Each structure stands twice: as structure tokens, then as C-alpha cells.
Amino acid sequence: MTQRGEDASASAVTSLMLDRYDDQLLQTRFISNKAIRRELRRQQRIAAERMCDICQHKDSSWQRCGWQH
């Protein structure tokens, strides 16, 4: 593998790690406004009740069915 290919591969891995880290930060960030927290919980509850259009698997506990959505 060339140096340029290795750099691209390392960059892709780093990007995936940063995306996961950003998602974690969004979920754990302190939200001080009570109304915002309430709305966020409502949206999460609605999202958890949705069904996967591909396999008809119902999402539970905020986890996806395994399909790449």
C-alpha cells in the first residue's frame, strides 16, 4: 500500500471515530432548559417506536435493527 493510500485509510478511520465521539457528546451534553429536555425525550420516544421500513423490526432502547439506514 502506498503512503497516500495509508493516509487515506487512517483518515477514514479517524473520521469514523470522531463521528462516534460527536454522537456521544450530543447524547451526554448537559441541557439546562427543561422545555428542551422534555422535547428531546419526546423525540427520542417517537424515534424508538418507529418501525424499520426494510425489515419491519421495531426499534427498542434506541438501538437500530442492524440494517444500514
N, C-alpha and C. Protein backbone atom coordinates (compact mmCIF):
# COMPACT_ATOMS: atom_id res chain seq x y z
N MET A 1 0.85 -1.18 0.00
CA MET A 1 0.00 0.00 0.00
C MET A 1 0.89 1.23 0.00
N THR A 2 0.52 2.20 -0.76
CA THR A 2 1.32 3.41 -0.84
C THR A 2 1.08 4.27 0.38
N GLN A 3 1.97 5.21 0.58
CA GLN A 3 1.83 6.13 1.71
C GLN A 3 0.52 6.90 1.61
N ARG A 4 0.18 7.33 0.41
CA ARG A 4 -1.05 8.10 0.21
C ARG A 4 -2.27 7.24 0.56
N GLY A 5 -2.26 5.96 0.16
CA GLY A 5 -3.36 5.05 0.49
C GLY A 5 -3.47 4.82 1.98
N GLU A 6 -2.34 4.69 2.64
CA GLU A 6 -2.34 4.52 4.10
C GLU A 6 -2.89 5.76 4.79
N ASP A 7 -2.51 6.94 4.28
CA ASP A 7 -3.02 8.18 4.86
C ASP A 7 -4.53 8.27 4.71
N ALA A 8 -5.04 7.89 3.54
CA ALA A 8 -6.48 7.93 3.30
C ALA A 8 -7.21 6.96 4.21
N SER A 9 -6.63 5.76 4.38
CA SER A 9 -7.25 4.76 5.25
C SER A 9 -7.27 5.24 6.70
N ALA A 10 -6.16 5.80 7.16
CA ALA A 10 -6.09 6.31 8.53
C ALA A 10 -7.05 7.47 8.71
N SER A 11 -7.18 8.29 7.68
CA SER A 11 -8.10 9.42 7.75
C SER A 11 -9.54 8.95 7.86
N ALA A 12 -9.90 7.90 7.12
CA ALA A 12 -11.26 7.37 7.17
C ALA A 12 -11.56 6.80 8.55
N VAL A 13 -10.61 6.07 9.12
CA VAL A 13 -10.80 5.50 10.46
C VAL A 13 -10.95 6.62 11.49
N THR A 14 -10.10 7.63 11.39
CA THR A 14 -10.18 8.76 12.31
C THR A 14 -11.52 9.47 12.19
N SER A 15 -11.99 9.63 10.96
CA SER A 15 -13.28 10.28 10.73
C SER A 15 -14.41 9.49 11.38
N LEU A 16 -14.39 8.17 11.24
CA LEU A 16 -15.42 7.33 11.86
C LEU A 16 -15.38 7.43 13.38
N MET A 17 -14.17 7.47 13.93
CA MET A 17 -14.03 7.58 15.38
C MET A 17 -14.56 8.92 15.87
N LEU A 18 -14.27 9.99 15.12
CA LEU A 18 -14.75 11.31 15.51
C LEU A 18 -16.26 11.41 15.41
N ASP A 19 -16.85 10.78 14.39
CA ASP A 19 -18.31 10.77 14.26
C ASP A 19 -18.94 10.10 15.47
N ARG A 20 -18.38 8.97 15.88
CA ARG A 20 -18.90 8.25 17.05
C ARG A 20 -18.74 9.11 18.31
N TYR A 21 -17.60 9.77 18.45
CA TYR A 21 -17.36 10.64 19.60
C TYR A 21 -18.34 11.80 19.62
N ASP A 22 -18.60 12.41 18.45
CA ASP A 22 -19.57 13.50 18.37
C ASP A 22 -20.96 13.04 18.79
N ASP A 23 -21.36 11.84 18.36
CA ASP A 23 -22.67 11.30 18.76
C ASP A 23 -22.74 11.14 20.27
N GLN A 24 -21.65 10.66 20.87
CA GLN A 24 -21.61 10.50 22.32
C GLN A 24 -21.76 11.85 23.01
N LEU A 25 -21.07 12.85 22.51
CA LEU A 25 -21.15 14.18 23.11
C LEU A 25 -22.57 14.73 23.03
N LEU A 26 -23.22 14.52 21.90
CA LEU A 26 -24.58 15.02 21.76
C LEU A 26 -25.51 14.36 22.76
N GLN A 27 -25.31 13.07 23.03
CA GLN A 27 -26.18 12.35 23.94
C GLN A 27 -25.89 12.69 25.40
N THR A 28 -24.66 13.08 25.72
CA THR A 28 -24.31 13.31 27.12
C THR A 28 -24.20 14.78 27.48
N ARG A 29 -24.36 15.65 26.49
CA ARG A 29 -24.25 17.09 26.75
C ARG A 29 -25.33 17.52 27.73
N PHE A 30 -24.95 18.35 28.68
CA PHE A 30 -25.89 18.85 29.67
C PHE A 30 -26.81 19.87 29.01
N ILE A 31 -28.10 19.64 29.14
CA ILE A 31 -29.09 20.57 28.59
C ILE A 31 -29.83 21.17 29.77
N SER A 32 -29.67 22.47 29.95
CA SER A 32 -30.20 23.11 31.15
C SER A 32 -31.67 23.50 31.04
N ASN A 33 -32.15 23.73 29.85
CA ASN A 33 -33.51 24.19 29.69
C ASN A 33 -34.49 23.02 29.79
N LYS A 34 -35.40 23.09 30.75
CA LYS A 34 -36.34 22.00 31.00
C LYS A 34 -37.21 21.69 29.78
N ALA A 35 -37.66 22.71 29.09
CA ALA A 35 -38.51 22.51 27.91
C ALA A 35 -37.75 21.79 26.80
N ILE A 36 -36.47 22.11 26.64
CA ILE A 36 -35.66 21.46 25.62
C ILE A 36 -35.46 20.00 25.98
N ARG A 37 -35.18 19.71 27.25
CA ARG A 37 -35.02 18.32 27.68
C ARG A 37 -36.29 17.53 27.44
N ARG A 38 -37.42 18.11 27.75
CA ARG A 38 -38.71 17.44 27.57
C ARG A 38 -38.95 17.13 26.08
N GLU A 39 -38.67 18.10 25.22
CA GLU A 39 -38.86 17.91 23.78
C GLU A 39 -37.91 16.84 23.24
N LEU A 40 -36.68 16.83 23.72
CA LEU A 40 -35.71 15.83 23.30
C LEU A 40 -36.18 14.43 23.69
N ARG A 41 -36.68 14.27 24.91
CA ARG A 41 -37.21 12.97 25.33
C ARG A 41 -38.39 12.55 24.47
N ARG A 42 -39.26 13.50 24.12
CA ARG A 42 -40.42 13.19 23.29
C ARG A 42 -39.97 12.70 21.91
N GLN A 43 -38.99 13.39 21.32
CA GLN A 43 -38.50 13.00 20.00
C GLN A 43 -37.82 11.63 20.05
N GLN A 44 -37.06 11.36 21.13
CA GLN A 44 -36.41 10.06 21.26
C GLN A 44 -37.44 8.95 21.42
N ARG A 45 -38.50 9.22 22.16
CA ARG A 45 -39.56 8.22 22.36
C ARG A 45 -40.25 7.91 21.02
N ILE A 46 -40.53 8.94 20.24
CA ILE A 46 -41.15 8.74 18.93
C ILE A 46 -40.23 7.94 18.02
N ALA A 47 -38.94 8.28 18.02
CA ALA A 47 -37.97 7.57 17.18
C ALA A 47 -37.86 6.11 17.59
N ALA A 48 -37.95 5.82 18.87
CA ALA A 48 -37.82 4.44 19.35
C ALA A 48 -39.02 3.60 18.95
N GLU A 49 -40.15 4.23 18.73
CA GLU A 49 -41.36 3.50 18.38
C GLU A 49 -41.49 3.24 16.89
N ARG A 50 -40.65 3.85 16.10
CA ARG A 50 -40.73 3.69 14.65
C ARG A 50 -40.30 2.29 14.24
N MET A 51 -40.86 1.84 13.15
CA MET A 51 -40.51 0.54 12.60
C MET A 51 -39.53 0.73 11.44
N CYS A 52 -38.62 -0.20 11.31
CA CYS A 52 -37.70 -0.19 10.18
C CYS A 52 -38.51 -0.51 8.91
N ASP A 53 -38.41 0.32 7.88
CA ASP A 53 -39.15 0.11 6.64
C ASP A 53 -38.65 -1.11 5.88
N ILE A 54 -37.42 -1.50 6.08
CA ILE A 54 -36.84 -2.61 5.32
C ILE A 54 -37.24 -3.95 5.92
N CYS A 55 -37.03 -4.12 7.21
CA CYS A 55 -37.24 -5.44 7.81
C CYS A 55 -38.40 -5.48 8.79
N GLN A 56 -39.08 -4.36 9.01
CA GLN A 56 -40.21 -4.26 9.92
C GLN A 56 -39.82 -4.59 11.36
N HIS A 57 -38.56 -4.37 11.69
CA HIS A 57 -38.08 -4.59 13.06
C HIS A 57 -38.36 -3.34 13.87
N LYS A 58 -39.00 -3.49 15.00
CA LYS A 58 -39.29 -2.33 15.84
C LYS A 58 -38.05 -1.97 16.64
N ASP A 59 -37.67 -0.70 16.57
CA ASP A 59 -36.53 -0.22 17.35
C ASP A 59 -36.88 -0.28 18.83
N SER A 60 -35.90 -0.64 19.64
CA SER A 60 -36.12 -0.64 21.08
C SER A 60 -34.87 -0.15 21.77
N SER A 61 -35.06 0.53 22.84
CA SER A 61 -33.97 1.09 23.65
C SER A 61 -32.95 1.84 22.80
N TRP A 62 -33.46 2.58 21.83
CA TRP A 62 -32.65 3.46 20.98
C TRP A 62 -31.67 2.71 20.09
N GLN A 63 -31.84 1.40 19.91
CA GLN A 63 -30.92 0.66 19.07
C GLN A 63 -31.56 0.39 17.72
N ARG A 64 -30.77 0.36 16.69
CA ARG A 64 -31.28 0.07 15.35
C ARG A 64 -31.34 -1.43 15.14
N CYS A 65 -32.06 -1.83 14.13
CA CYS A 65 -32.26 -3.24 13.84
C CYS A 65 -31.02 -3.90 13.26
N GLY A 66 -30.07 -3.15 12.81
CA GLY A 66 -28.86 -3.73 12.23
C GLY A 66 -28.69 -3.38 10.77
N TRP A 67 -29.76 -2.98 10.09
CA TRP A 67 -29.65 -2.53 8.71
C TRP A 67 -28.95 -1.18 8.69
N GLN A 68 -28.24 -0.92 7.61
CA GLN A 68 -27.59 0.38 7.46
C GLN A 68 -28.62 1.37 6.94
N HIS A 69 -29.09 2.24 7.79
CA HIS A 69 -30.14 3.21 7.42
C HIS A 69 -29.51 4.49 6.93
